[in-house]
Amino acid sequence: MQVVVDENIPFAREAFSHLGSVTLLPGRAITRETIRKAHALIVRSVTKVDAALLTDTDVQFVGTATTGVEHIDREYLAARNLGFAAALGCNANAVAEYVLTALLVTARTKGLSLSGKTLGIIGAGRIGGIVAAKAPALGMKTLLHDPPLARATGEPRYRSLAETLQADFITLHVPLTYDGPDATFHLIGADELAHITPSAILINTARGEVVDNAVLLETLTKGTIGGAVLDVWEREPAINWDLLNRVTLGTPHVAGYSSDGKINGTVMVYHACCGFWGIEPAWVPPSDPPAAPAPGSLPHLQFDATGKDFQTLAHDILTTLYDLPADHARMRDLLALPEPLRPQAFDRLRRDYPHRREFAGSPISITGGDQHLLTRLQTLEIHTDEP
């Protein structure tokens, strides 16, 4: 069996080599010619999988090690009885941790208290549900907007889009869809941005096209919105560089790029591929993600809560565990490059992304804190022990 895998999928060769011969390629270099004799194709979001790619190839199974599937023409695959699997939810916790860290960093930057503020969550599925469960630990109230879930459950907790847009912070967690009553392409456009509270902060970790980037730039330039945190952009990697220069935080589509989440994606697609071919899985991922310290050698982080309010302490802990400002700084460094070179540099930031564990993967000790404080940290999946 011939298997072609995006080279940025961790443990690709180790996982798929017992199924056959593995060829690793950059995602943007996967073409019909490079996969013509492949039986299985494993991609990420940068590779468009459709008739143009697959016609006249031997591909029988397609897997994507991502939660999003808009780069896959699933109707084409189904019509030709091709196997398909996605890694749904593999990085949901990582994205939620990005959002929580972004809230704290933005609040610090703008001198805001999160306590008592409202967080509008548009899309309350895997990621939005995690954010909704953890945000109260920061003292925030949540407003949920999810029309499909509202129809399916009939629960009154789901609010209208107009009401959700009145929140102090708004975070987007919807798939990118173009058709139907719940289409999300440019879900946040001119009308929506005009009705957002002028001091509100918009956070997008879903897909760039969910927000009309040109209108958002105009809104930020006029100062009629409090700010924006963008991890995803229209027309990646050739994004709107003026928009990058205006956002509060900007990162290169890495919100879900924890080592834990990436490995989860590999495992999920690997098992699906084995199942398609009727092969018993043989590969087991390592207990420590790539680039992690050896077992038992993780630094034991210590924080003193004495005299600190919870928001300050949470900011210090979360930005130590995940240095989101460093991701933002690396992204802004692209603006110093000639514009024609920036798209390739954007892709390099993703390809060479540093090792990042999810919060639960690092041991923490807290001094000077009471049980209430520890409980709030545990809600954020920051696990503490006695110093």
Protein backbone atom coordinates (compact mmCIF):
# COMPACT_ATOMS: atom_id res chain seq x y z
CA MET A 1 0.00 0.00 0.00
CA GLN A 2 1.17 3.54 -0.80
CA VAL A 3 0.35 6.24 1.75
CA VAL A 4 0.95 9.96 1.17
CA VAL A 5 0.91 12.08 4.33
CA ASP A 6 1.37 15.78 5.01
CA GLU A 7 4.85 16.11 6.50
CA ASN A 8 3.58 18.37 9.30
CA ILE A 9 1.44 15.64 10.83
CA PRO A 10 3.40 14.40 13.87
CA PHE A 11 4.54 10.78 13.88
CA ALA A 12 3.21 10.33 10.35
CA ARG A 13 5.90 7.88 9.28
CA GLU A 14 5.85 5.98 12.57
CA ALA A 15 2.07 5.65 12.54
CA PHE A 16 1.42 4.72 8.93
CA SER A 17 4.59 2.81 7.96
CA HIS A 18 3.22 -0.59 8.99
CA LEU A 19 0.37 -0.06 6.51
CA GLY A 20 2.80 0.28 3.62
CA SER A 21 5.21 2.70 2.00
CA VAL A 22 4.90 6.25 3.37
CA THR A 23 5.71 9.40 1.39
CA LEU A 24 5.83 12.67 3.34
CA LEU A 25 5.12 15.89 1.43
CA PRO A 26 4.48 19.55 2.29
CA GLY A 27 0.72 20.09 2.33
CA ARG A 28 0.81 22.65 -0.47
CA ALA A 29 2.96 20.32 -2.59
CA ILE A 30 0.38 17.53 -2.64
CA THR A 31 -0.81 17.37 -6.26
CA ARG A 32 -2.50 14.82 -8.50
CA GLU A 33 0.90 13.77 -9.84
CA THR A 34 2.39 13.24 -6.39
CA ILE A 35 -0.52 11.05 -5.24
CA ARG A 36 -1.36 9.23 -8.48
CA LYS A 37 -0.28 5.82 -7.15
CA ALA A 38 -1.28 6.43 -3.53
CA HIS A 39 -3.98 4.31 -1.92
CA ALA A 40 -4.39 6.50 1.17
CA LEU A 41 -4.02 10.28 1.49
CA ILE A 42 -3.67 11.98 4.88
CA VAL A 43 -3.81 15.79 4.85
CA ARG A 44 -4.27 18.93 6.90
CA SER A 45 -6.37 22.01 6.13
CA VAL A 46 -3.92 23.50 3.61
CA THR A 47 -4.64 20.76 1.04
CA LYS A 48 -7.83 21.02 -1.00
CA VAL A 49 -9.16 17.52 -1.65
CA ASP A 50 -11.63 17.38 -4.54
CA ALA A 51 -12.08 16.04 -8.06
CA ALA A 52 -9.21 18.19 -9.36
CA LEU A 53 -6.85 16.42 -6.96
CA LEU A 54 -8.20 12.88 -6.94
CA THR A 55 -9.33 12.17 -10.53
CA ASP A 56 -7.24 9.41 -12.15
CA THR A 57 -5.51 8.49 -8.88
CA ASP A 58 -5.58 5.23 -6.92
CA VAL A 59 -6.68 6.95 -3.70
CA GLN A 60 -9.32 4.94 -1.84
CA PHE A 61 -9.16 6.59 1.59
CA VAL A 62 -8.77 10.25 2.61
CA GLY A 63 -8.08 11.36 6.16
CA THR A 64 -7.65 14.85 7.52
CA ALA A 65 -5.90 15.34 10.86
CA THR A 66 -8.04 18.40 11.51
CA THR A 67 -11.36 19.30 13.07
CA GLY A 68 -12.43 21.48 10.14
CA VAL A 69 -13.40 19.71 6.92
CA GLU A 70 -14.24 22.54 4.54
CA HIS A 71 -11.13 21.72 2.48
CA ILE A 72 -12.63 18.30 1.71
CA ASP A 73 -15.26 17.76 -1.01
CA ARG A 74 -17.14 15.13 0.97
CA GLU A 75 -19.89 14.82 -1.63
CA TYR A 76 -17.29 13.86 -4.23
CA LEU A 77 -15.78 11.27 -1.89
CA ALA A 78 -19.18 9.78 -1.04
CA ALA A 79 -20.25 9.62 -4.68
CA ARG A 80 -17.17 7.52 -5.46
CA ASN A 81 -17.39 5.37 -2.32
CA LEU A 82 -14.04 6.65 -1.06
CA GLY A 83 -13.31 6.25 2.63
CA PHE A 84 -13.07 9.42 4.71
CA ALA A 85 -12.25 10.35 8.28
CA ALA A 86 -11.59 13.59 10.15
CA ALA A 87 -10.09 14.20 13.58
CA LEU A 88 -13.18 15.89 14.97
CA GLY A 89 -12.49 17.47 18.33
CA CYS A 90 -8.82 16.50 18.41
CA ASN A 91 -7.66 20.01 19.33
CA ALA A 92 -10.83 21.37 20.94
CA ASN A 93 -9.23 21.82 24.34
CA ALA A 94 -6.18 23.54 22.86
CA VAL A 95 -8.37 26.09 21.06
CA ALA A 96 -10.36 26.71 24.23
CA GLU A 97 -7.11 27.31 26.13
CA TYR A 98 -6.06 29.79 23.43
CA VAL A 99 -9.33 31.70 23.91
CA LEU A 100 -8.99 31.80 27.71
CA THR A 101 -5.38 33.01 27.42
CA ALA A 102 -6.40 35.60 24.84
CA LEU A 103 -9.09 36.92 27.18
CA LEU A 104 -6.55 37.40 29.96
CA VAL A 105 -3.87 38.92 27.72
CA THR A 106 -6.35 41.31 26.10
CA ALA A 107 -7.74 42.32 29.49
CA ARG A 108 -4.20 43.03 30.73
CA THR A 109 -3.38 45.01 27.57
CA LYS A 110 -6.51 47.14 27.81
CA GLY A 111 -6.66 47.43 31.59
CA LEU A 112 -9.96 45.57 31.90
CA SER A 113 -11.42 43.37 34.61
CA LEU A 114 -13.08 40.20 33.29
CA SER A 115 -15.16 39.74 36.41
CA GLY A 116 -18.82 40.35 35.59
CA LYS A 117 -18.16 40.74 31.87
CA THR A 118 -20.21 38.79 29.33
CA LEU A 119 -18.72 36.37 26.82
CA GLY A 120 -20.80 35.73 23.73
CA ILE A 121 -20.05 32.25 22.36
CA ILE A 122 -21.20 31.79 18.78
CA GLY A 123 -21.13 28.05 18.17
CA ALA A 124 -21.59 25.98 21.33
CA GLY A 125 -20.36 22.62 20.09
CA ARG A 126 -17.09 20.92 21.07
CA ILE A 127 -14.91 24.01 21.45
CA GLY A 128 -17.61 26.49 22.38
CA GLY A 129 -18.88 24.08 25.02
CA ILE A 130 -15.44 23.85 26.64
CA VAL A 131 -15.08 27.64 26.61
CA ALA A 132 -18.54 27.99 28.17
CA ALA A 133 -17.61 25.54 30.94
CA LYS A 134 -14.35 27.29 31.80
CA ALA A 135 -15.18 30.99 31.36
CA PRO A 136 -17.06 31.28 34.68
CA ALA A 137 -13.76 30.55 36.45
CA LEU A 138 -12.64 33.96 35.14
CA GLY A 139 -15.77 35.54 36.61
CA MET A 140 -17.46 35.85 33.21
CA LYS A 141 -21.08 35.27 32.27
CA THR A 142 -21.76 33.44 29.02
CA LEU A 143 -24.30 33.97 26.25
CA LEU A 144 -24.66 31.06 23.82
CA HIS A 145 -25.78 31.29 20.19
CA ASP A 146 -26.14 28.07 18.21
CA PRO A 147 -29.21 27.76 15.95
CA PRO A 148 -28.76 24.03 15.14
CA LEU A 149 -28.44 23.15 18.84
CA ALA A 150 -31.33 25.46 19.71
CA ARG A 151 -33.59 23.65 17.22
CA ALA A 152 -32.39 20.20 18.27
CA THR A 153 -32.77 20.75 22.02
CA GLY A 154 -35.42 23.45 22.36
CA GLU A 155 -33.44 24.78 25.31
CA PRO A 156 -34.08 28.45 26.14
CA ARG A 157 -30.43 29.11 27.06
CA TYR A 158 -29.57 29.73 23.40
CA ARG A 159 -29.83 33.40 22.51
CA SER A 160 -30.35 35.25 19.24
CA LEU A 161 -27.33 36.44 17.30
CA ALA A 162 -28.31 40.06 17.96
CA GLU A 163 -28.37 39.48 21.72
CA THR A 164 -25.09 37.55 21.71
CA LEU A 165 -23.39 40.35 19.78
CA GLN A 166 -24.08 42.67 22.73
CA ALA A 167 -21.57 40.78 24.89
CA ASP A 168 -18.36 42.41 26.09
CA PHE A 169 -16.31 39.71 24.36
CA ILE A 170 -17.45 37.59 21.42
CA THR A 171 -15.75 34.33 20.42
CA LEU A 172 -16.52 32.35 17.26
CA HIS A 173 -16.56 28.54 17.14
CA VAL A 174 -18.55 27.61 14.05
CA PRO A 175 -17.64 25.56 10.97
CA LEU A 176 -17.31 27.36 7.65
CA THR A 177 -20.42 26.69 5.55
CA TYR A 178 -21.81 28.46 2.52
CA ASP A 179 -25.35 27.11 2.15
CA GLY A 180 -28.47 26.55 4.17
CA PRO A 181 -30.20 28.50 6.94
CA ASP A 182 -27.10 28.41 9.15
CA ALA A 183 -24.47 29.36 6.56
CA THR A 184 -21.48 30.93 8.30
CA PHE A 185 -19.58 32.55 5.43
CA HIS A 186 -19.26 36.21 6.50
CA LEU A 187 -21.52 35.48 9.44
CA ILE A 188 -19.92 38.55 10.97
CA GLY A 189 -20.22 41.22 8.31
CA ALA A 190 -21.04 44.90 8.08
CA ASP A 191 -24.46 44.68 9.76
CA GLU A 192 -23.19 42.54 12.64
CA LEU A 193 -20.11 44.66 13.25
CA ALA A 194 -22.29 47.78 13.25
CA HIS A 195 -24.37 46.34 16.11
CA ILE A 196 -21.53 45.08 18.29
CA THR A 197 -20.97 47.05 21.48
CA PRO A 198 -18.31 49.69 20.64
CA SER A 199 -16.00 48.48 23.41
CA ALA A 200 -16.38 44.77 22.56
CA ILE A 201 -13.52 42.47 21.60
CA LEU A 202 -14.07 39.95 18.78
CA ILE A 203 -12.13 36.65 18.88
CA ASN A 204 -12.00 34.37 15.85
CA THR A 205 -10.39 30.92 16.06
CA ALA A 206 -12.92 29.28 13.70
CA ARG A 207 -12.17 30.05 10.04
CA GLY A 208 -11.10 33.34 8.53
CA GLU A 209 -14.04 33.54 6.15
CA VAL A 210 -16.55 33.54 9.01
CA VAL A 211 -15.66 37.23 9.42
CA ASP A 212 -15.60 39.74 6.57
CA ASN A 213 -11.97 40.79 7.02
CA ALA A 214 -12.25 43.93 4.86
CA VAL A 215 -15.17 45.22 6.92
CA LEU A 216 -13.44 44.28 10.16
CA LEU A 217 -10.37 46.29 9.10
CA GLU A 218 -12.58 49.28 8.35
CA THR A 219 -14.31 48.89 11.73
CA LEU A 220 -11.02 48.68 13.62
CA THR A 221 -9.62 51.64 11.70
CA LYS A 222 -12.65 53.75 12.65
CA GLY A 223 -12.40 52.59 16.26
CA THR A 224 -16.04 51.50 16.40
CA ILE A 225 -15.11 48.18 18.01
CA GLY A 226 -12.85 47.67 21.02
CA GLY A 227 -10.45 45.27 19.32
CA ALA A 228 -10.01 41.89 17.68
CA VAL A 229 -8.06 38.71 18.31
CA LEU A 230 -7.55 36.73 15.11
CA ASP A 231 -5.96 33.33 14.74
CA VAL A 232 -7.61 32.70 11.36
CA TRP A 233 -7.72 34.92 8.30
CA GLU A 234 -9.31 35.14 4.91
CA ARG A 235 -7.08 33.97 2.04
CA GLU A 236 -4.42 32.33 4.19
CA PRO A 237 -1.45 32.53 3.84
CA ALA A 238 -1.77 35.72 1.73
CA ILE A 239 -3.78 37.49 4.41
CA ASN A 240 -4.76 41.13 4.78
CA TRP A 241 -1.55 42.50 6.30
CA ASP A 242 -3.15 45.84 7.16
CA LEU A 243 -5.61 43.91 9.31
CA LEU A 244 -2.75 42.20 11.14
CA ASN A 245 -1.39 45.63 11.92
CA ARG A 246 -4.71 46.61 13.55
CA VAL A 247 -5.64 43.60 15.70
CA THR A 248 -4.99 43.36 19.41
CA LEU A 249 -3.55 39.86 18.98
CA GLY A 250 -2.80 38.06 15.72
CA THR A 251 -1.48 34.53 15.26
CA PRO A 252 -0.93 32.25 12.22
CA HIS A 253 -3.77 29.71 12.59
CA VAL A 254 -2.15 27.94 15.54
CA ALA A 255 -4.84 28.09 18.25
CA GLY A 256 -5.21 24.32 18.16
CA TYR A 257 -1.50 23.61 17.72
CA SER A 258 -0.79 22.00 21.05
CA SER A 259 1.40 18.93 20.77
CA ASP A 260 -1.37 17.02 22.55
CA GLY A 261 -3.96 18.09 19.99
CA LYS A 262 -1.75 17.30 17.01
CA ILE A 263 -1.03 13.80 18.30
CA ASN A 264 -4.74 13.28 18.99
CA GLY A 265 -5.35 14.10 15.32
CA THR A 266 -2.76 11.57 14.15
CA VAL A 267 -4.19 8.86 16.40
CA MET A 268 -7.78 9.43 15.29
CA VAL A 269 -7.02 9.38 11.56
CA TYR A 270 -4.59 6.47 11.91
CA HIS A 271 -7.22 4.34 13.64
CA ALA A 272 -9.82 5.29 11.03
CA CYS A 273 -7.42 4.35 8.22
CA CYS A 274 -6.67 1.00 9.86
CA GLY A 275 -10.38 0.37 10.27
CA PHE A 276 -11.05 1.13 6.61
CA TRP A 277 -8.50 -1.46 5.50
CA GLY A 278 -9.45 -3.96 8.19
CA ILE A 279 -6.00 -3.81 9.78
CA GLU A 280 -5.42 -4.02 13.53
CA PRO A 281 -3.75 -0.80 14.75
CA ALA A 282 -0.15 -1.41 15.82
CA TRP A 283 1.23 2.06 16.50
CA VAL A 284 0.89 3.60 19.97
CA PRO A 285 1.85 7.26 20.46
CA PRO A 286 4.59 8.10 22.96
CA SER A 287 3.56 9.12 26.44
CA ASP A 288 5.30 12.50 25.98
CA PRO A 289 4.65 14.66 22.90
CA PRO A 290 7.52 15.45 20.52
CA ALA A 291 10.10 17.87 21.89
CA ALA A 292 8.83 17.30 25.42
CA PRO A 293 11.34 16.86 28.23
CA ALA A 294 12.06 13.33 29.33
CA PRO A 295 9.53 11.82 31.76
CA GLY A 296 10.03 13.16 35.25
CA SER A 297 12.10 16.14 34.09
CA LEU A 298 9.31 18.67 33.51
CA PRO A 299 9.99 21.88 35.43
CA HIS A 300 7.78 22.14 38.47
CA LEU A 301 6.32 25.63 38.11
CA GLN A 302 5.65 27.56 41.29
CA PHE A 303 3.45 30.62 41.71
CA ASP A 304 2.78 32.78 44.75
CA ALA A 305 -0.84 33.91 45.01
CA THR A 306 -0.19 36.14 48.02
CA GLY A 307 -1.75 39.57 47.48
CA LYS A 308 -2.83 38.79 43.89
CA ASP A 309 -6.34 38.94 42.55
CA PHE A 310 -7.43 35.87 40.61
CA GLN A 311 -7.24 37.52 37.18
CA THR A 312 -3.63 38.57 37.72
CA LEU A 313 -2.64 35.13 38.98
CA ALA A 314 -4.48 33.37 36.14
CA HIS A 315 -2.80 35.64 33.58
CA ASP A 316 0.63 34.87 34.99
CA ILE A 317 0.02 31.12 35.05
CA LEU A 318 -1.64 30.81 31.64
CA THR A 319 0.91 32.94 29.80
CA THR A 320 3.70 30.91 31.41
CA LEU A 321 2.10 27.67 30.24
CA TYR A 322 1.27 29.13 26.81
CA ASP A 323 3.19 32.21 25.69
CA LEU A 324 0.51 33.64 23.42
CA PRO A 325 2.18 37.09 23.30
CA ALA A 326 5.25 35.39 21.76
CA ASP A 327 3.06 33.88 19.02
CA HIS A 328 1.68 37.37 18.38
CA ALA A 329 5.19 38.87 18.26
CA ARG A 330 6.39 36.27 15.75
CA MET A 331 3.36 36.98 13.60
CA ARG A 332 3.99 40.72 13.67
CA ASP A 333 7.59 40.11 12.63
CA LEU A 334 6.19 39.14 9.23
CA LEU A 335 5.31 42.79 8.64
CA ALA A 336 9.02 43.60 8.46
CA LEU A 337 9.40 41.32 5.42
CA PRO A 338 8.72 42.36 1.82
CA GLU A 339 5.05 41.55 1.19
CA PRO A 340 5.71 38.86 -1.47
CA LEU A 341 7.71 36.87 1.11
CA ARG A 342 5.12 37.01 3.87
CA PRO A 343 2.83 34.12 2.78
CA GLN A 344 5.70 31.62 2.83
CA ALA A 345 6.82 32.99 6.18
CA PHE A 346 3.24 32.56 7.49
CA ASP A 347 3.39 28.89 6.51
CA ARG A 348 6.82 28.51 8.13
CA LEU A 349 5.44 29.79 11.44
CA ARG A 350 2.93 26.95 11.32
CA ARG A 351 5.43 24.34 10.11
CA ASP A 352 8.05 25.25 12.71
CA TYR A 353 5.64 25.92 15.57
CA PRO A 354 7.31 25.34 18.97
CA HIS A 355 6.32 22.57 21.34
CA ARG A 356 3.30 23.53 23.44
CA ARG A 357 1.61 21.34 26.04
CA GLU A 358 -1.95 21.83 27.16
CA PHE A 359 -2.38 23.21 30.66
CA ALA A 360 -3.00 19.87 32.33
CA GLY A 361 0.40 18.63 31.13
CA SER A 362 2.47 20.87 33.42
CA PRO A 363 2.80 20.45 37.18
CA ILE A 364 1.97 23.57 39.18
CA SER A 365 2.45 24.53 42.82
CA ILE A 366 0.61 27.46 44.38
CA THR A 367 1.55 29.16 47.64
CA GLY A 368 -0.65 31.67 49.44
CA GLY A 369 -3.89 30.49 47.85
CA ASP A 370 -7.10 29.21 49.43
CA GLN A 371 -9.29 26.31 48.34
CA HIS A 372 -11.65 28.57 46.37
CA LEU A 373 -8.75 29.82 44.28
CA LEU A 374 -7.50 26.27 43.66
CA THR A 375 -10.97 25.17 42.60
CA ARG A 376 -11.17 27.99 40.05
CA LEU A 377 -7.77 27.01 38.65
CA GLN A 378 -8.85 23.39 38.41
CA THR A 379 -11.86 24.50 36.35
CA LEU A 380 -9.30 25.86 33.88
CA GLU A 381 -7.63 22.40 33.99
CA ILE A 382 -4.63 23.83 35.83
CA HIS A 383 -3.83 21.06 38.24
CA THR A 384 -2.12 22.08 41.45
CA ASP A 385 -0.45 20.24 44.26
CA GLU A 386 1.15 21.16 47.53
CA PRO A 387 4.52 22.93 47.15
